[in-house]
Protein backbone atom coordinates (compact mmCIF):
# COMPACT_ATOMS: atom_id res chain seq x y z
CA THR A 1 -183.07 104.94 140.59
CA LYS A 2 -180.30 104.66 143.02
CA PHE A 3 -182.23 106.31 145.72
CA LEU A 4 -185.76 105.62 147.15
CA THR A 5 -187.06 107.70 150.05
CA ILE A 6 -190.07 107.18 152.60
CA PRO A 7 -191.40 110.61 152.84
CA GLY A 8 -193.26 110.03 156.21
CA LEU A 9 -195.21 107.30 158.03
CA PRO A 10 -198.59 107.29 159.79
CA GLY A 11 -198.81 107.35 163.57
CA GLU A 12 -198.96 103.54 164.15
CA TYR A 13 -195.29 103.35 163.14
CA THR A 14 -194.44 106.49 165.27
CA GLU A 15 -196.66 106.68 167.99
CA SER A 16 -194.26 105.12 170.75
CA GLY A 17 -190.77 104.22 171.19
CA ASP A 18 -191.64 100.63 170.66
CA ALA A 19 -193.28 101.53 167.48
CA TRP A 20 -190.17 103.27 166.12
CA ARG A 21 -188.05 100.37 167.08
CA LYS A 22 -190.23 97.97 165.05
CA THR A 23 -190.32 100.46 162.21
CA ALA A 24 -186.49 100.48 162.48
CA GLU A 25 -186.06 96.98 162.12
CA THR A 26 -188.60 96.92 159.20
CA LEU A 27 -187.19 99.58 157.29
CA SER A 28 -183.39 98.10 157.91
CA ALA A 29 -184.35 94.79 156.57
CA ILE A 30 -186.19 96.61 153.54
CA GLY A 31 -183.09 98.43 152.86
CA GLY A 32 -180.87 95.57 153.05
CA LYS A 33 -182.83 93.82 150.14
CA LEU A 34 -182.78 97.08 148.24
CA ARG A 35 -179.32 97.85 148.81
CA ALA A 36 -178.32 94.37 147.45
CA ASP A 37 -179.92 95.55 144.25
CA GLY A 38 -177.92 98.96 144.24
CA ILE A 39 -180.90 101.12 145.75
CA GLN A 40 -180.32 102.89 148.73
CA LEU A 41 -183.39 103.44 151.16
CA SER A 42 -183.67 106.81 153.16
CA TYR A 43 -186.32 108.22 155.72
CA HIS A 44 -187.45 112.06 154.98
CA ASN A 45 -188.09 113.95 158.56
CA HIS A 46 -190.54 116.57 159.51
CA ALA A 47 -190.92 118.01 162.86
CA HIS A 48 -192.87 115.27 164.54
CA GLU A 49 -189.88 112.97 164.44
CA PHE A 50 -188.56 114.97 167.18
CA LYS A 51 -191.03 114.12 169.78
CA LEU A 52 -189.42 112.64 172.58
CA PHE A 53 -189.79 108.99 173.78
CA ASP A 54 -188.03 108.10 177.00
CA GLY A 55 -185.81 111.13 176.55
CA LYS A 56 -184.94 110.13 172.94
CA TYR A 57 -186.28 111.53 169.60
CA GLY A 58 -188.49 109.31 167.64
CA LEU A 59 -185.84 109.76 164.59
CA ASP A 60 -183.00 108.83 167.07
CA ILE A 61 -184.64 105.62 167.91
CA LEU A 62 -185.24 105.00 164.10
CA TYR A 63 -181.42 105.42 163.27
CA SER A 64 -180.03 103.88 166.48
CA HIS A 65 -182.11 100.65 165.85
CA SER A 66 -181.33 100.28 161.77
CA ASP A 67 -178.20 99.37 159.96
CA PRO A 68 -176.63 102.64 158.63
CA LYS A 69 -175.96 100.86 155.49
CA ASN A 70 -179.41 100.03 154.98
CA LEU A 71 -181.23 103.06 155.84
CA HIS A 72 -180.03 106.70 155.48
CA ALA A 73 -181.24 109.98 156.49
CA GLU A 74 -182.80 112.37 154.22
CA ILE A 75 -182.65 115.22 156.55
CA ASP A 76 -185.05 118.28 155.83
CA THR A 77 -183.24 121.13 157.18
CA TYR A 78 -186.35 123.43 157.55
CA TRP A 79 -188.50 120.64 159.74
CA VAL A 80 -185.20 119.95 162.11
CA ALA A 81 -185.23 123.65 162.84
CA TYR A 82 -188.96 123.73 163.07
CA GLY A 83 -188.60 120.86 165.51
CA ASN A 84 -186.48 123.26 167.66
CA VAL A 85 -183.32 121.05 166.73
CA ASP A 86 -180.06 122.80 165.06
CA PRO A 87 -179.90 121.33 161.72
CA VAL A 88 -176.31 121.62 161.55
CA ALA A 89 -175.76 119.47 164.71
CA TYR A 90 -178.40 116.94 163.72
CA LEU A 91 -176.74 116.50 160.17
CA ARG A 92 -173.56 115.96 162.05
CA LYS A 93 -175.06 113.30 164.27
CA VAL A 94 -176.22 111.32 161.50
CA GLU A 95 -173.47 112.39 159.02
CA PRO A 96 -172.83 108.54 157.86
CA ARG A 97 -176.35 108.45 156.48
CA LEU A 98 -176.60 111.38 154.46
CA SER A 99 -176.80 110.51 150.84
CA VAL A 100 -179.23 113.08 150.11
CA ILE A 101 -180.19 116.27 152.13
CA HIS A 102 -183.60 118.23 151.52
CA ILE A 103 -182.43 121.73 151.90
CA LYS A 104 -185.34 124.23 152.76
CA ASP A 105 -185.03 127.56 154.59
CA MET A 106 -186.86 129.33 157.27
CA ALA A 107 -187.91 132.85 157.23
CA ASP A 108 -187.18 134.98 160.18
CA ASP A 109 -190.92 135.71 161.28
CA PRO A 110 -193.33 134.74 163.74
CA LYS A 111 -194.94 131.85 161.51
CA ARG A 112 -191.37 130.21 160.78
CA SER A 113 -192.57 130.49 157.07
CA PHE A 114 -190.78 128.69 153.95
CA THR A 115 -188.46 130.91 152.42
CA GLU A 116 -185.93 130.83 149.55
CA ILE A 117 -182.36 129.19 150.39
CA ARG A 118 -180.25 131.92 151.94
CA ASN A 119 -183.14 134.26 152.49
CA GLY A 120 -183.89 132.74 156.15
CA VAL A 121 -182.18 131.94 159.22
CA LEU A 122 -180.51 128.73 158.55
CA ASP A 123 -176.89 128.22 158.69
CA TRP A 124 -176.05 127.42 155.01
CA GLU A 125 -172.21 127.39 155.49
CA GLY A 126 -172.45 124.67 158.22
CA ILE A 127 -174.79 122.79 156.45
CA PHE A 128 -172.88 122.48 153.39
CA ARG A 129 -169.66 121.76 155.51
CA VAL A 130 -171.40 118.76 156.83
CA ALA A 131 -172.75 117.67 153.31
CA ASP A 132 -169.21 117.95 151.94
CA ASP A 133 -167.92 116.00 154.95
CA ALA A 134 -170.40 113.16 154.60
CA GLY A 135 -170.05 112.99 150.83
CA THR A 136 -173.68 113.85 150.10
CA LYS A 137 -174.68 112.88 146.64
CA TRP A 138 -177.89 115.32 146.19
CA LEU A 139 -178.93 118.34 147.66
CA ILE A 140 -182.60 118.75 147.08
CA VAL A 141 -184.19 122.37 147.05
CA GLU A 142 -187.67 122.13 148.28
CA GLN A 143 -190.12 124.92 149.11
CA ASP A 144 -193.40 123.85 150.27
CA THR A 145 -195.19 127.14 149.89
CA THR A 146 -194.08 130.35 148.22
CA PRO A 147 -195.27 133.98 148.74
CA GLY A 148 -195.55 134.45 144.89
CA PRO A 149 -195.18 132.24 141.67
CA ALA A 150 -193.25 128.98 142.56
CA LEU A 151 -190.75 129.42 139.64
CA ASP A 152 -189.74 132.79 141.16
CA SER A 153 -188.89 131.15 144.39
CA ALA A 154 -186.85 128.40 142.68
CA ARG A 155 -184.93 131.09 140.59
CA ILE A 156 -184.31 133.01 143.92
CA SER A 157 -182.99 129.87 145.57
CA PHE A 158 -180.88 128.81 142.47
CA GLU A 159 -179.21 132.37 142.13
CA ASN A 160 -178.41 132.30 145.93
CA LEU A 161 -176.84 128.75 145.67
CA LYS A 162 -174.78 130.08 142.68
CA LYS A 163 -173.53 132.87 144.77
CA MET A 164 -172.50 130.25 147.55
CA GLY A 165 -170.88 128.13 144.90
CA ARG A 166 -173.53 125.40 144.93
CA ALA A 167 -175.09 125.63 141.82
């Protein structure tokens, strides 16, 4: 593999600004060793990484205290929006770290449910523009839950991506 992603961390690594800084240093060191072997380490976010510590998101502390060559950002577009942050703006903020992006859409409903790509409220034109500018290698479609059979949702996302010239 050329990419290794940390899908999240338990609270002890993310419960304070200091914990985030220590985590950043540790992951940056691990990422440096992996990079020497041709593997890019990334961190995959959820919404809780947008908790504030001294006015900074935990995720921002992670990235500001790690080497961008050693720790990339596998941003999940849905969870950024769920954390009440604009996905396009956040992708732009971490653009040099975007080897891989998890693309997931959010329905326009009170629960902010998962939905197929382009069937929700996220700005796909803006997301793809940042991905292109960043030289992102992979756009990974993910939908945690589906209203019907999972393969039907995968087909809908694929067809919508084709209409947007992305598949």
